Amino acid sequence: MSVNLDRDLIRRFEAGLDPNDLEASELPARVLGYGEISTVFQIADDADLAYKRMPLFASRAEAEQYIAHYRQYCQKLREAGLVLPDDETLVVDQPGRPTVLYIGQKQLPADRFCHQLIRSMNEHDFTLLVEKICAEI
């Protein structure tokens, strides 16, 4: 399944992005978090989607190869029983700049991520959560 990426928004964001000074970028953005290899943004007033900006690629072909591996990996996770959020990818090429891959996913409420959720749990609920996670694993 996929989400409805605003492809023009992403292209405009990337064209005006100053990674060293986000506030100087052409379109306003907010860092939602950091993945293992990505920075996750909310771009402009699009509060529905989180935009994962992946590491830079030397070419479109490399980015497309990454997408193929990413799709295979996600399929394996689904086959293992994990429920993954819908996503869509976009490769952005700009003359004289490295190729960039964005993965868009629906924004999830920040307070529902486990590292935030456990801060508001009592010991009993925390224990139940850990037991459920371990059982799923």
C-alpha atoms as a PDB file:
ATOM      1  CA  MET A   1       0.000   0.000   0.000  1.00  0.00           C
ATOM      2  CA  SER A   2       1.114   3.553  -0.385  1.00  0.00           C
ATOM      3  CA  VAL A   3       0.504   7.009   0.941  1.00  0.00           C
ATOM      4  CA  ASN A   4      -0.179  10.076  -1.135  1.00  0.00           C
ATOM      5  CA  LEU A   5       3.141  11.920  -1.260  1.00  0.00           C
ATOM      6  CA  ASP A   6       3.178  15.553  -2.294  1.00  0.00           C
ATOM      7  CA  ARG A   7       5.995  15.067  -4.797  1.00  0.00           C
ATOM      8  CA  ASP A   8       6.240  18.756  -5.656  1.00  0.00           C
ATOM      9  CA  LEU A   9       6.528  19.665  -1.970  1.00  0.00           C
ATOM     10  CA  ILE A  10       9.426  17.230  -1.519  1.00  0.00           C
ATOM     11  CA  ARG A  11      11.224  18.482  -4.608  1.00  0.00           C
ATOM     12  CA  ARG A  12      10.847  22.114  -3.489  1.00  0.00           C
ATOM     13  CA  PHE A  13      11.975  21.188   0.023  1.00  0.00           C
ATOM     14  CA  GLU A  14      15.068  19.402  -1.230  1.00  0.00           C
ATOM     15  CA  ALA A  15      15.944  22.205  -3.641  1.00  0.00           C
ATOM     16  CA  GLY A  16      15.855  24.764  -0.822  1.00  0.00           C
ATOM     17  CA  LEU A  17      17.195  22.582   1.999  1.00  0.00           C
ATOM     18  CA  ASP A  18      20.213  23.715   3.956  1.00  0.00           C
ATOM     19  CA  PRO A  19      21.083  20.578   5.976  1.00  0.00           C
ATOM     20  CA  ASN A  20      23.474  22.580   8.145  1.00  0.00           C
ATOM     21  CA  ASP A  21      20.883  25.231   9.001  1.00  0.00           C
ATOM     22  CA  LEU A  22      17.316  23.928   8.744  1.00  0.00           C
ATOM     23  CA  GLU A  23      15.871  27.310   9.691  1.00  0.00           C
ATOM     24  CA  ALA A  24      17.578  28.875   6.642  1.00  0.00           C
ATOM     25  CA  SER A  25      15.861  26.389   4.321  1.00  0.00           C
ATOM     26  CA  GLU A  26      13.342  27.680   1.810  1.00  0.00           C
ATOM     27  CA  LEU A  27      10.404  25.635   3.152  1.00  0.00           C
ATOM     28  CA  PRO A  28       9.846  25.397   6.900  1.00  0.00           C
ATOM     29  CA  ALA A  29      10.464  21.981   8.372  1.00  0.00           C
ATOM     30  CA  ARG A  30      10.692  20.321  11.731  1.00  0.00           C
ATOM     31  CA  VAL A  31      12.840  17.338  12.640  1.00  0.00           C
ATOM     32  CA  LEU A  32      10.551  14.658  14.027  1.00  0.00           C
ATOM     33  CA  GLY A  33      13.391  12.303  14.823  1.00  0.00           C
ATOM     34  CA  TYR A  34      16.393  10.410  13.630  1.00  0.00           C
ATOM     35  CA  GLY A  35      16.483   6.855  12.356  1.00  0.00           C
ATOM     36  CA  GLU A  36      19.540   4.673  12.105  1.00  0.00           C
ATOM     37  CA  ILE A  37      20.433   6.222   8.745  1.00  0.00           C
ATOM     38  CA  SER A  38      17.779   8.865   8.146  1.00  0.00           C
ATOM     39  CA  THR A  39      16.478  12.176   9.355  1.00  0.00           C
ATOM     40  CA  VAL A  40      12.694  12.328   9.652  1.00  0.00           C
ATOM     41  CA  PHE A  41      11.000  15.618   8.822  1.00  0.00           C
ATOM     42  CA  GLN A  42       7.605  17.217   8.881  1.00  0.00           C
ATOM     43  CA  ILE A  43       7.695  19.511   5.878  1.00  0.00           C
ATOM     44  CA  ALA A  44       5.770  22.776   5.884  1.00  0.00           C
ATOM     45  CA  ASP A  45       2.277  22.304   7.359  1.00  0.00           C
ATOM     46  CA  ASP A  46       1.904  18.678   6.195  1.00  0.00           C
ATOM     47  CA  ALA A  47       1.194  17.133   9.600  1.00  0.00           C
ATOM     48  CA  ASP A  48      -0.173  13.944   8.031  1.00  0.00           C
ATOM     49  CA  LEU A  49       3.137  12.594   6.714  1.00  0.00           C
ATOM     50  CA  ALA A  50       6.620  11.995   8.017  1.00  0.00           C
ATOM     51  CA  TYR A  51       9.322  12.307   5.372  1.00  0.00           C
ATOM     52  CA  LYS A  52      12.402  10.145   5.895  1.00  0.00           C
ATOM     53  CA  ARG A  53      15.384  11.655   4.095  1.00  0.00           C
ATOM     54  CA  MET A  54      17.756   8.788   3.456  1.00  0.00           C
ATOM     55  CA  PRO A  55      21.545   9.065   3.018  1.00  0.00           C
ATOM     56  CA  LEU A  56      22.730  10.507  -0.276  1.00  0.00           C
ATOM     57  CA  PHE A  57      23.318   8.335  -3.339  1.00  0.00           C
ATOM     58  CA  ALA A  58      25.799   8.803  -6.179  1.00  0.00           C
ATOM     59  CA  SER A  59      23.136   8.040  -8.797  1.00  0.00           C
ATOM     60  CA  ARG A  60      19.461   7.355  -9.411  1.00  0.00           C
ATOM     61  CA  ALA A  61      20.350   3.726 -10.158  1.00  0.00           C
ATOM     62  CA  GLU A  62      21.836   3.312  -6.677  1.00  0.00           C
ATOM     63  CA  ALA A  63      18.754   4.852  -5.088  1.00  0.00           C
ATOM     64  CA  GLU A  64      16.460   2.604  -7.133  1.00  0.00           C
ATOM     65  CA  GLN A  65      18.510  -0.432  -6.076  1.00  0.00           C
ATOM     66  CA  TYR A  66      18.119   0.634  -2.460  1.00  0.00           C
ATOM     67  CA  ILE A  67      14.344   0.892  -2.956  1.00  0.00           C
ATOM     68  CA  ALA A  68      14.248  -2.658  -4.345  1.00  0.00           C
ATOM     69  CA  HIS A  69      16.148  -3.974  -1.298  1.00  0.00           C
ATOM     70  CA  TYR A  70      13.953  -1.903   1.018  1.00  0.00           C
ATOM     71  CA  ARG A  71      10.797  -3.376  -0.527  1.00  0.00           C
ATOM     72  CA  GLN A  72      12.172  -6.935  -0.179  1.00  0.00           C
ATOM     73  CA  TYR A  73      13.076  -6.268   3.444  1.00  0.00           C
ATOM     74  CA  CYS A  74       9.626  -4.873   4.209  1.00  0.00           C
ATOM     75  CA  GLN A  75       8.006  -7.889   2.549  1.00  0.00           C
ATOM     76  CA  LYS A  76      10.062 -10.249   4.721  1.00  0.00           C
ATOM     77  CA  LEU A  77       9.021  -8.325   7.833  1.00  0.00           C
ATOM     78  CA  ARG A  78       5.357  -8.587   6.805  1.00  0.00           C
ATOM     79  CA  GLU A  79       5.755 -12.309   6.148  1.00  0.00           C
ATOM     80  CA  ALA A  80       7.169 -12.601   9.671  1.00  0.00           C
ATOM     81  CA  GLY A  81       3.956 -11.044  10.997  1.00  0.00           C
ATOM     82  CA  LEU A  82       4.922  -7.409  11.525  1.00  0.00           C
ATOM     83  CA  VAL A  83       2.458  -4.684  10.659  1.00  0.00           C
ATOM     84  CA  LEU A  84       4.299  -1.876   8.872  1.00  0.00           C
ATOM     85  CA  PRO A  85       2.991   1.578   8.059  1.00  0.00           C
ATOM     86  CA  ASP A  86       2.065   2.338   4.463  1.00  0.00           C
ATOM     87  CA  ASP A  87       4.789   4.190   2.625  1.00  0.00           C
ATOM     88  CA  GLU A  88       5.815   5.669  -0.687  1.00  0.00           C
ATOM     89  CA  THR A  89       9.248   6.506  -2.056  1.00  0.00           C
ATOM     90  CA  LEU A  90      10.517   9.377  -4.162  1.00  0.00           C
ATOM     91  CA  VAL A  91      13.957   9.789  -5.723  1.00  0.00           C
ATOM     92  CA  VAL A  92      15.009  13.422  -6.165  1.00  0.00           C
ATOM     93  CA  ASP A  93      17.682  14.252  -8.747  1.00  0.00           C
ATOM     94  CA  GLN A  94      19.107  17.743  -9.018  1.00  0.00           C
ATOM     95  CA  PRO A  95      21.931  18.821 -11.334  1.00  0.00           C
ATOM     96  CA  GLY A  96      25.260  19.023  -9.548  1.00  0.00           C
ATOM     97  CA  ARG A  97      23.940  17.455  -6.335  1.00  0.00           C
ATOM     98  CA  PRO A  98      23.815  13.904  -5.014  1.00  0.00           C
ATOM     99  CA  THR A  99      20.643  11.880  -5.501  1.00  0.00           C
ATOM    100  CA  VAL A 100      18.286  11.840  -2.513  1.00  0.00           C
ATOM    101  CA  LEU A 101      15.682   9.253  -1.556  1.00  0.00           C
ATOM    102  CA  TYR A 102      12.658  10.131   0.543  1.00  0.00           C
ATOM    103  CA  ILE A 103      10.354   7.593   2.155  1.00  0.00           C
ATOM    104  CA  GLY A 104       7.014   9.059   3.173  1.00  0.00           C
ATOM    105  CA  GLN A 105       4.889   7.458   5.879  1.00  0.00           C
ATOM    106  CA  LYS A 106       1.849   8.501   7.853  1.00  0.00           C
ATOM    107  CA  GLN A 107       2.860  10.436  10.952  1.00  0.00           C
ATOM    108  CA  LEU A 108       2.089   8.536  14.111  1.00  0.00           C
ATOM    109  CA  PRO A 109       1.407  10.257  17.428  1.00  0.00           C
ATOM    110  CA  ALA A 110       4.783  10.857  19.099  1.00  0.00           C
ATOM    111  CA  ASP A 111       3.428   9.887  22.521  1.00  0.00           C
ATOM    112  CA  ARG A 112       2.599   6.387  21.223  1.00  0.00           C
ATOM    113  CA  PHE A 113       6.229   5.449  20.538  1.00  0.00           C
ATOM    114  CA  CYS A 114       7.401   3.071  23.227  1.00  0.00           C
ATOM    115  CA  HIS A 115      10.280   5.216  24.512  1.00  0.00           C
ATOM    116  CA  GLN A 116       7.736   7.991  25.195  1.00  0.00           C
ATOM    117  CA  LEU A 117       4.824   5.788  26.224  1.00  0.00           C
ATOM    118  CA  ILE A 118       6.682   4.081  29.058  1.00  0.00           C
ATOM    119  CA  ARG A 119       7.234   7.439  30.780  1.00  0.00           C
ATOM    120  CA  SER A 120       3.529   7.678  31.543  1.00  0.00           C
ATOM    121  CA  MET A 121       2.957   4.024  32.509  1.00  0.00           C
ATOM    122  CA  ASN A 122       2.639   2.577  35.948  1.00  0.00           C
ATOM    123  CA  GLU A 123       4.735  -0.493  36.817  1.00  0.00           C
ATOM    124  CA  HIS A 124       1.912  -2.950  36.088  1.00  0.00           C
ATOM    125  CA  ASP A 125       1.199  -1.562  32.607  1.00  0.00           C
ATOM    126  CA  PHE A 126       4.905  -1.387  31.858  1.00  0.00           C
ATOM    127  CA  THR A 127       5.317  -5.048  32.784  1.00  0.00           C
ATOM    128  CA  LEU A 128       2.379  -6.007  30.559  1.00  0.00           C
ATOM    129  CA  LEU A 129       3.867  -4.059  27.659  1.00  0.00           C
ATOM    130  CA  VAL A 130       7.273  -5.738  28.026  1.00  0.00           C
ATOM    131  CA  GLU A 131       5.618  -9.149  28.252  1.00  0.00           C
ATOM    132  CA  LYS A 132       3.593  -8.464  25.097  1.00  0.00           C
ATOM    133  CA  ILE A 133       6.691  -7.290  23.212  1.00  0.00           C
ATOM    134  CA  CYS A 134       8.646 -10.362  24.297  1.00  0.00           C
ATOM    135  CA  ALA A 135       5.785 -12.665  23.316  1.00  0.00           C
ATOM    136  CA  GLU A 136       5.644 -11.089  19.846  1.00  0.00           C
ATOM    137  CA  ILE A 137       9.376 -11.492  19.391  1.00  0.00           C
END
